[in-house]
């Protein structure tokens, strides 16, 4: 009888642990799906911003290449302003990091989902290198533009994030004129090359974000299918 009682107690404890593990798994999976859904929106926002960014850089390069910047200073300053303000992709990895630190990541029974989650997060980590290069070239562009242009013609770069200045004519040409010396004209060639470098990085980053969009959609679809979730 004692042996039977011990055996039944052991089985009961295993059942409780199993139920607890499955409950924790389901909670984490639902939380992961919410995080990934938030990522979907942020990825779409980033892709849209990338498209606008490359178009603006293309336009500024054309303005410099054609020489029209001499006759269209307001357009030049507007592009000099709006081609800055790149922001890193922000994603929701709270649940993933909590699962790794607590050890509950192993509770996910679906090996394919565990593998896809790791690949997804590793892919985003890989994006950080491109983002660092983008921010570095943007800083170089800002420094060079400060040597060529008069920063008092437009607001601080910090306000680019909010786009307030774009709602009005921020180019203040009253009692001022743009005068370009030969040295400054030579610097425009350097600026053009720097913009070209930024555009190459931007295009590659844009392609990587589209790949991330596919990875995100595939992972979400797998989770919804394997765990029979409905859109929340």
C-alpha atoms as a PDB file:
ATOM      1  CA  UNK A   1       0.000   0.000   0.000  1.00  0.00           C
ATOM      2  CA  UNK A   2       2.815   2.357   0.883  1.00  0.00           C
ATOM      3  CA  UNK A   3       4.501   1.643  -2.445  1.00  0.00           C
ATOM      4  CA  UNK A   4       1.221   2.266  -4.302  1.00  0.00           C
ATOM      5  CA  UNK A   5       0.681   5.547  -2.455  1.00  0.00           C
ATOM      6  CA  UNK A   6       4.209   6.712  -3.267  1.00  0.00           C
ATOM      7  CA  UNK A   7       3.795   5.711  -6.906  1.00  0.00           C
ATOM      8  CA  UNK A   8       0.451   7.511  -7.211  1.00  0.00           C
ATOM      9  CA  UNK A   9       1.944  10.579  -5.528  1.00  0.00           C
ATOM     10  CA  UNK A  10       4.814  10.539  -7.997  1.00  0.00           C
ATOM     11  CA  UNK A  11       2.408  10.318 -10.930  1.00  0.00           C
ATOM     12  CA  UNK A  12       0.245  13.085  -9.497  1.00  0.00           C
ATOM     13  CA  UNK A  13       3.275  15.357  -9.113  1.00  0.00           C
ATOM     14  CA  UNK A  14       4.328  14.656 -12.696  1.00  0.00           C
ATOM     15  CA  UNK A  15       0.839  15.476 -13.920  1.00  0.00           C
ATOM     16  CA  UNK A  16       0.845  18.760 -11.985  1.00  0.00           C
ATOM     17  CA  UNK A  17       4.240  19.671 -13.414  1.00  0.00           C
ATOM     18  CA  UNK A  18       3.057  18.785 -16.919  1.00  0.00           C
ATOM     19  CA  UNK A  19      -0.080  20.915 -16.576  1.00  0.00           C
ATOM     20  CA  UNK A  20       1.946  23.776 -15.115  1.00  0.00           C
ATOM     21  CA  UNK A  21       4.462  23.549 -17.963  1.00  0.00           C
ATOM     22  CA  UNK A  22       1.716  23.529 -20.593  1.00  0.00           C
ATOM     23  CA  UNK A  23      -0.002  26.507 -18.962  1.00  0.00           C
ATOM     24  CA  UNK A  24       3.298  28.411 -18.925  1.00  0.00           C
ATOM     25  CA  UNK A  25       3.946  27.443 -22.535  1.00  0.00           C
ATOM     26  CA  UNK A  26       0.538  28.706 -23.658  1.00  0.00           C
ATOM     27  CA  UNK A  27       0.979  31.981 -21.770  1.00  0.00           C
ATOM     28  CA  UNK A  28       4.407  32.534 -23.333  1.00  0.00           C
ATOM     29  CA  UNK A  29       3.196  31.618 -26.808  1.00  0.00           C
ATOM     30  CA  UNK A  30       0.327  34.116 -26.612  1.00  0.00           C
ATOM     31  CA  UNK A  31       2.709  36.774 -25.353  1.00  0.00           C
ATOM     32  CA  UNK A  32       5.139  35.985 -28.175  1.00  0.00           C
ATOM     33  CA  UNK A  33       2.362  36.275 -30.735  1.00  0.00           C
ATOM     34  CA  UNK A  34       1.470  39.722 -29.387  1.00  0.00           C
ATOM     35  CA  UNK A  35       5.126  40.778 -29.547  1.00  0.00           C
ATOM     36  CA  UNK A  36       5.425  39.548 -33.122  1.00  0.00           C
ATOM     37  CA  UNK A  37       2.215  41.333 -34.099  1.00  0.00           C
ATOM     38  CA  UNK A  38       3.677  44.563 -32.697  1.00  0.00           C
ATOM     39  CA  UNK A  39       6.811  43.845 -34.715  1.00  0.00           C
ATOM     40  CA  UNK A  40       4.706  43.504 -37.863  1.00  0.00           C
ATOM     41  CA  UNK A  41       3.441  47.064 -37.458  1.00  0.00           C
ATOM     42  CA  UNK A  42       6.930  48.408 -36.713  1.00  0.00           C
ATOM     43  CA  UNK A  43       8.424  46.583 -39.705  1.00  0.00           C
ATOM     44  CA  UNK A  44       5.795  48.105 -42.000  1.00  0.00           C
ATOM     45  CA  UNK A  45       6.541  51.544 -40.534  1.00  0.00           C
ATOM     46  CA  UNK A  46      10.291  51.038 -41.003  1.00  0.00           C
ATOM     47  CA  UNK A  47       9.876  49.890 -44.608  1.00  0.00           C
ATOM     48  CA  UNK A  48       7.749  52.928 -45.405  1.00  0.00           C
ATOM     49  CA  UNK A  49      10.335  55.196 -43.784  1.00  0.00           C
ATOM     50  CA  UNK A  50      13.114  53.504 -45.751  1.00  0.00           C
ATOM     51  CA  UNK A  51      11.293  54.110 -49.034  1.00  0.00           C
ATOM     52  CA  UNK A  52      10.816  57.771 -48.183  1.00  0.00           C
ATOM     53  CA  UNK A  53      14.436  58.044 -47.072  1.00  0.00           C
ATOM     54  CA  UNK A  54      15.897  56.601 -50.274  1.00  0.00           C
ATOM     55  CA  UNK A  55      13.620  58.781 -52.419  1.00  0.00           C
ATOM     56  CA  UNK A  56      14.762  61.906 -50.558  1.00  0.00           C
ATOM     57  CA  UNK A  57      18.441  60.983 -50.832  1.00  0.00           C
ATOM     58  CA  UNK A  58      17.957  60.266 -54.561  1.00  0.00           C
ATOM     59  CA  UNK A  59      16.380  63.700 -54.978  1.00  0.00           C
ATOM     60  CA  UNK A  60      19.213  65.463 -53.156  1.00  0.00           C
ATOM     61  CA  UNK A  61      21.800  63.603 -55.223  1.00  0.00           C
ATOM     62  CA  UNK A  62      20.041  64.675 -58.420  1.00  0.00           C
ATOM     63  CA  UNK A  63      19.901  68.281 -57.193  1.00  0.00           C
ATOM     64  CA  UNK A  64      23.681  68.236 -56.639  1.00  0.00           C
ATOM     65  CA  UNK A  65      24.509  66.277 -59.803  1.00  0.00           C
ATOM     66  CA  UNK A  66      22.513  68.647 -62.032  1.00  0.00           C
ATOM     67  CA  UNK A  67      23.875  71.771 -60.343  1.00  0.00           C
ATOM     68  CA  UNK A  68      20.347  72.998 -59.632  1.00  0.00           C
ATOM     69  CA  UNK A  69      21.237  73.430 -55.950  1.00  0.00           C
ATOM     70  CA  UNK A  70      22.773  76.807 -56.889  1.00  0.00           C
ATOM     71  CA  UNK A  71      19.406  78.099 -58.134  1.00  0.00           C
ATOM     72  CA  UNK A  72      17.186  76.261 -55.634  1.00  0.00           C
ATOM     73  CA  UNK A  73      18.716  76.894 -52.199  1.00  0.00           C
ATOM     74  CA  UNK A  74      15.444  76.310 -50.348  1.00  0.00           C
ATOM     75  CA  UNK A  75      15.155  72.851 -51.873  1.00  0.00           C
ATOM     76  CA  UNK A  76      18.796  72.177 -51.038  1.00  0.00           C
ATOM     77  CA  UNK A  77      18.294  73.064 -47.381  1.00  0.00           C
ATOM     78  CA  UNK A  78      15.083  71.078 -47.205  1.00  0.00           C
ATOM     79  CA  UNK A  79      16.807  67.943 -48.498  1.00  0.00           C
ATOM     80  CA  UNK A  80      19.811  68.568 -46.251  1.00  0.00           C
ATOM     81  CA  UNK A  81      17.371  68.574 -43.348  1.00  0.00           C
ATOM     82  CA  UNK A  82      15.051  65.708 -44.288  1.00  0.00           C
ATOM     83  CA  UNK A  83      17.760  63.212 -45.285  1.00  0.00           C
ATOM     84  CA  UNK A  84      18.746  63.034 -41.619  1.00  0.00           C
ATOM     85  CA  UNK A  85      16.940  61.469 -38.688  1.00  0.00           C
ATOM     86  CA  UNK A  86      17.380  57.736 -39.325  1.00  0.00           C
ATOM     87  CA  UNK A  87      16.071  55.584 -36.482  1.00  0.00           C
ATOM     88  CA  UNK A  88      16.945  52.001 -35.595  1.00  0.00           C
ATOM     89  CA  UNK A  89      14.253  49.357 -35.854  1.00  0.00           C
ATOM     90  CA  UNK A  90      12.576  48.887 -32.478  1.00  0.00           C
ATOM     91  CA  UNK A  91      11.187  45.421 -31.861  1.00  0.00           C
ATOM     92  CA  UNK A  92       9.380  43.649 -29.035  1.00  0.00           C
ATOM     93  CA  UNK A  93      11.668  40.967 -27.627  1.00  0.00           C
ATOM     94  CA  UNK A  94      10.569  41.174 -23.985  1.00  0.00           C
ATOM     95  CA  UNK A  95       8.955  37.734 -23.889  1.00  0.00           C
ATOM     96  CA  UNK A  96      11.811  36.083 -25.788  1.00  0.00           C
ATOM     97  CA  UNK A  97      14.425  37.504 -23.407  1.00  0.00           C
ATOM     98  CA  UNK A  98      12.359  36.574 -20.332  1.00  0.00           C
ATOM     99  CA  UNK A  99      11.993  33.012 -21.606  1.00  0.00           C
ATOM    100  CA  UNK A 100      15.738  32.714 -22.160  1.00  0.00           C
ATOM    101  CA  UNK A 101      16.634  34.100 -18.736  1.00  0.00           C
ATOM    102  CA  UNK A 102      14.047  32.005 -16.861  1.00  0.00           C
ATOM    103  CA  UNK A 103      14.734  28.800 -18.768  1.00  0.00           C
ATOM    104  CA  UNK A 104      11.137  28.511 -19.958  1.00  0.00           C
ATOM    105  CA  UNK A 105      12.207  28.684 -23.601  1.00  0.00           C
ATOM    106  CA  UNK A 106      12.672  24.919 -23.493  1.00  0.00           C
ATOM    107  CA  UNK A 107       8.994  24.492 -22.595  1.00  0.00           C
ATOM    108  CA  UNK A 108       8.046  25.219 -26.197  1.00  0.00           C
ATOM    109  CA  UNK A 109       7.411  21.745 -27.526  1.00  0.00           C
ATOM    110  CA  UNK A 110       7.532  22.699 -31.192  1.00  0.00           C
ATOM    111  CA  UNK A 111      11.193  22.507 -32.170  1.00  0.00           C
ATOM    112  CA  UNK A 112      10.520  24.287 -35.457  1.00  0.00           C
ATOM    113  CA  UNK A 113       9.095  27.284 -33.594  1.00  0.00           C
ATOM    114  CA  UNK A 114      12.066  27.400 -31.224  1.00  0.00           C
ATOM    115  CA  UNK A 115      14.431  27.353 -34.197  1.00  0.00           C
ATOM    116  CA  UNK A 116      12.475  30.034 -36.055  1.00  0.00           C
ATOM    117  CA  UNK A 117      12.429  32.259 -32.966  1.00  0.00           C
ATOM    118  CA  UNK A 118      16.195  32.001 -32.580  1.00  0.00           C
ATOM    119  CA  UNK A 119      16.752  32.690 -36.292  1.00  0.00           C
ATOM    120  CA  UNK A 120      14.355  35.646 -36.173  1.00  0.00           C
ATOM    121  CA  UNK A 121      16.141  37.281 -33.245  1.00  0.00           C
ATOM    122  CA  UNK A 122      19.575  36.523 -34.693  1.00  0.00           C
ATOM    123  CA  UNK A 123      18.521  38.165 -37.954  1.00  0.00           C
ATOM    124  CA  UNK A 124      17.518  41.342 -36.112  1.00  0.00           C
ATOM    125  CA  UNK A 125      20.838  41.319 -34.262  1.00  0.00           C
ATOM    126  CA  UNK A 126      22.523  41.207 -37.656  1.00  0.00           C
ATOM    127  CA  UNK A 127      20.639  44.326 -38.708  1.00  0.00           C
ATOM    128  CA  UNK A 128      22.352  46.344 -35.992  1.00  0.00           C
ATOM    129  CA  UNK A 129      25.590  46.409 -37.970  1.00  0.00           C
ATOM    130  CA  UNK A 130      23.852  48.036 -40.938  1.00  0.00           C
ATOM    131  CA  UNK A 131      22.093  50.476 -38.644  1.00  0.00           C
ATOM    132  CA  UNK A 132      25.412  51.488 -37.078  1.00  0.00           C
ATOM    133  CA  UNK A 133      26.854  52.166 -40.524  1.00  0.00           C
ATOM    134  CA  UNK A 134      23.781  54.180 -41.455  1.00  0.00           C
ATOM    135  CA  UNK A 135      24.036  56.321 -38.319  1.00  0.00           C
ATOM    136  CA  UNK A 136      27.768  56.803 -38.847  1.00  0.00           C
ATOM    137  CA  UNK A 137      27.351  57.990 -42.446  1.00  0.00           C
ATOM    138  CA  UNK A 138      24.464  60.231 -41.370  1.00  0.00           C
ATOM    139  CA  UNK A 139      26.722  61.836 -38.779  1.00  0.00           C
ATOM    140  CA  UNK A 140      29.413  62.339 -41.432  1.00  0.00           C
ATOM    141  CA  UNK A 141      26.817  63.900 -43.724  1.00  0.00           C
ATOM    142  CA  UNK A 142      25.634  66.248 -40.966  1.00  0.00           C
ATOM    143  CA  UNK A 143      29.213  67.321 -40.200  1.00  0.00           C
ATOM    144  CA  UNK A 144      30.015  67.988 -43.853  1.00  0.00           C
ATOM    145  CA  UNK A 145      26.768  69.882 -44.391  1.00  0.00           C
ATOM    146  CA  UNK A 146      27.607  72.065 -41.408  1.00  0.00           C
ATOM    147  CA  UNK A 147      30.803  73.080 -43.182  1.00  0.00           C
ATOM    148  CA  UNK A 148      28.992  73.881 -46.431  1.00  0.00           C
ATOM    149  CA  UNK A 149      25.650  75.256 -45.298  1.00  0.00           C
ATOM    150  CA  UNK A 150      24.436  77.699 -42.679  1.00  0.00           C
ATOM    151  CA  UNK A 151      22.765  75.695 -39.880  1.00  0.00           C
ATOM    152  CA  UNK A 152      20.801  78.759 -38.784  1.00  0.00           C
ATOM    153  CA  UNK A 153      18.644  78.388 -41.884  1.00  0.00           C
ATOM    154  CA  UNK A 154      16.832  75.403 -40.417  1.00  0.00           C
ATOM    155  CA  UNK A 155      15.879  73.950 -37.021  1.00  0.00           C
ATOM    156  CA  UNK A 156      17.928  71.594 -34.869  1.00  0.00           C
ATOM    157  CA  UNK A 157      18.294  68.062 -36.209  1.00  0.00           C
ATOM    158  CA  UNK A 158      16.661  66.839 -32.976  1.00  0.00           C
ATOM    159  CA  UNK A 159      13.270  68.061 -34.152  1.00  0.00           C
ATOM    160  CA  UNK A 160      13.441  65.980 -37.328  1.00  0.00           C
ATOM    161  CA  UNK A 161      11.929  63.066 -35.434  1.00  0.00           C
ATOM    162  CA  UNK A 162       8.712  64.989 -34.910  1.00  0.00           C
ATOM    163  CA  UNK A 163       8.677  66.578 -38.381  1.00  0.00           C
ATOM    164  CA  UNK A 164       7.259  69.810 -36.912  1.00  0.00           C
ATOM    165  CA  UNK A 165       9.361  72.029 -39.134  1.00  0.00           C
ATOM    166  CA  UNK A 166       8.135  70.327 -42.298  1.00  0.00           C
ATOM    167  CA  UNK A 167       4.662  71.757 -41.801  1.00  0.00           C
ATOM    168  CA  UNK A 168       5.916  75.246 -42.580  1.00  0.00           C
ATOM    169  CA  UNK A 169       8.652  76.978 -44.519  1.00  0.00           C
ATOM    170  CA  UNK A 170      11.595  76.527 -42.194  1.00  0.00           C
ATOM    171  CA  UNK A 171      14.021  78.009 -44.726  1.00  0.00           C
ATOM    172  CA  UNK A 172      14.545  81.534 -43.394  1.00  0.00           C
ATOM    173  CA  UNK A 173      16.157  83.485 -46.209  1.00  0.00           C
ATOM    174  CA  UNK A 174      15.233  86.947 -44.957  1.00  0.00           C
ATOM    175  CA  UNK A 175      18.290  89.185 -45.119  1.00  0.00           C
ATOM    176  CA  UNK A 176      20.386  86.162 -46.015  1.00  0.00           C
ATOM    177  CA  UNK A 177      21.727  84.693 -49.200  1.00  0.00           C
ATOM    178  CA  UNK A 178      23.488  81.468 -50.072  1.00  0.00           C
ATOM    179  CA  UNK A 179      26.985  82.123 -51.328  1.00  0.00           C
ATOM    180  CA  UNK A 180      29.066  79.207 -52.509  1.00  0.00           C
ATOM    181  CA  UNK A 181      32.803  79.620 -52.895  1.00  0.00           C
ATOM    182  CA  UNK A 182      34.854  77.321 -55.101  1.00  0.00           C
ATOM    183  CA  UNK A 183      35.955  75.426 -52.000  1.00  0.00           C
ATOM    184  CA  UNK A 184      32.349  74.835 -51.030  1.00  0.00           C
ATOM    185  CA  UNK A 185      31.464  73.743 -54.538  1.00  0.00           C
ATOM    186  CA  UNK A 186      34.246  71.164 -54.319  1.00  0.00           C
ATOM    187  CA  UNK A 187      32.791  69.963 -51.029  1.00  0.00           C
ATOM    188  CA  UNK A 188      29.509  69.256 -52.786  1.00  0.00           C
ATOM    189  CA  UNK A 189      31.282  66.494 -54.690  1.00  0.00           C
ATOM    190  CA  UNK A 190      32.303  64.970 -51.367  1.00  0.00           C
ATOM    191  CA  UNK A 191      28.721  65.345 -50.129  1.00  0.00           C
ATOM    192  CA  UNK A 192      27.400  63.623 -53.254  1.00  0.00           C
ATOM    193  CA  UNK A 193      29.738  60.661 -52.707  1.00  0.00           C
ATOM    194  CA  UNK A 194      28.669  60.432 -49.076  1.00  0.00           C
ATOM    195  CA  UNK A 195      25.006  60.453 -50.088  1.00  0.00           C
ATOM    196  CA  UNK A 196      25.761  57.705 -52.603  1.00  0.00           C
ATOM    197  CA  UNK A 197      27.318  55.598 -49.826  1.00  0.00           C
ATOM    198  CA  UNK A 198      24.303  56.175 -47.573  1.00  0.00           C
ATOM    199  CA  UNK A 199      21.956  55.219 -50.398  1.00  0.00           C
ATOM    200  CA  UNK A 200      23.738  51.911 -50.989  1.00  0.00           C
ATOM    201  CA  UNK A 201      23.471  51.059 -47.284  1.00  0.00           C
ATOM    202  CA  UNK A 202      19.842  52.232 -47.236  1.00  0.00           C
ATOM    203  CA  UNK A 203      18.884  50.024 -50.189  1.00  0.00           C
ATOM    204  CA  UNK A 204      20.552  46.975 -48.648  1.00  0.00           C
ATOM    205  CA  UNK A 205      18.909  47.700 -45.292  1.00  0.00           C
ATOM    206  CA  UNK A 206      15.586  48.040 -47.073  1.00  0.00           C
ATOM    207  CA  UNK A 207      15.986  44.589 -48.622  1.00  0.00           C
ATOM    208  CA  UNK A 208      16.888  43.128 -45.226  1.00  0.00           C
ATOM    209  CA  UNK A 209      13.767  44.677 -43.676  1.00  0.00           C
ATOM    210  CA  UNK A 210      11.648  43.044 -46.365  1.00  0.00           C
ATOM    211  CA  UNK A 211      13.278  39.717 -45.530  1.00  0.00           C
ATOM    212  CA  UNK A 212      12.495  40.357 -41.864  1.00  0.00           C
ATOM    213  CA  UNK A 213       8.882  41.021 -42.818  1.00  0.00           C
ATOM    214  CA  UNK A 214       8.721  37.566 -44.427  1.00  0.00           C
ATOM    215  CA  UNK A 215      10.348  35.918 -41.398  1.00  0.00           C
ATOM    216  CA  UNK A 216       7.914  37.671 -39.082  1.00  0.00           C
ATOM    217  CA  UNK A 217       4.887  36.634 -41.127  1.00  0.00           C
ATOM    218  CA  UNK A 218       6.078  33.044 -41.426  1.00  0.00           C
ATOM    219  CA  UNK A 219       6.758  32.752 -37.689  1.00  0.00           C
ATOM    220  CA  UNK A 220       3.394  34.221 -36.761  1.00  0.00           C
ATOM    221  CA  UNK A 221       1.584  31.906 -39.179  1.00  0.00           C
ATOM    222  CA  UNK A 222       3.381  28.863 -37.735  1.00  0.00           C
ATOM    223  CA  UNK A 223       2.501  29.837 -34.164  1.00  0.00           C
ATOM    224  CA  UNK A 224      -1.151  30.439 -35.004  1.00  0.00           C
ATOM    225  CA  UNK A 225      -1.370  27.153 -36.860  1.00  0.00           C
ATOM    226  CA  UNK A 226       0.488  24.916 -34.400  1.00  0.00           C
ATOM    227  CA  UNK A 227      -1.158  26.374 -31.293  1.00  0.00           C
ATOM    228  CA  UNK A 228      -4.587  26.937 -32.847  1.00  0.00           C
ATOM    229  CA  UNK A 229      -4.601  30.614 -31.914  1.00  0.00           C
ATOM    230  CA  UNK A 230      -7.052  33.154 -33.210  1.00  0.00           C
ATOM    231  CA  UNK A 231      -6.267  36.772 -33.984  1.00  0.00           C
ATOM    232  CA  UNK A 232      -6.451  38.708 -30.740  1.00  0.00           C
END
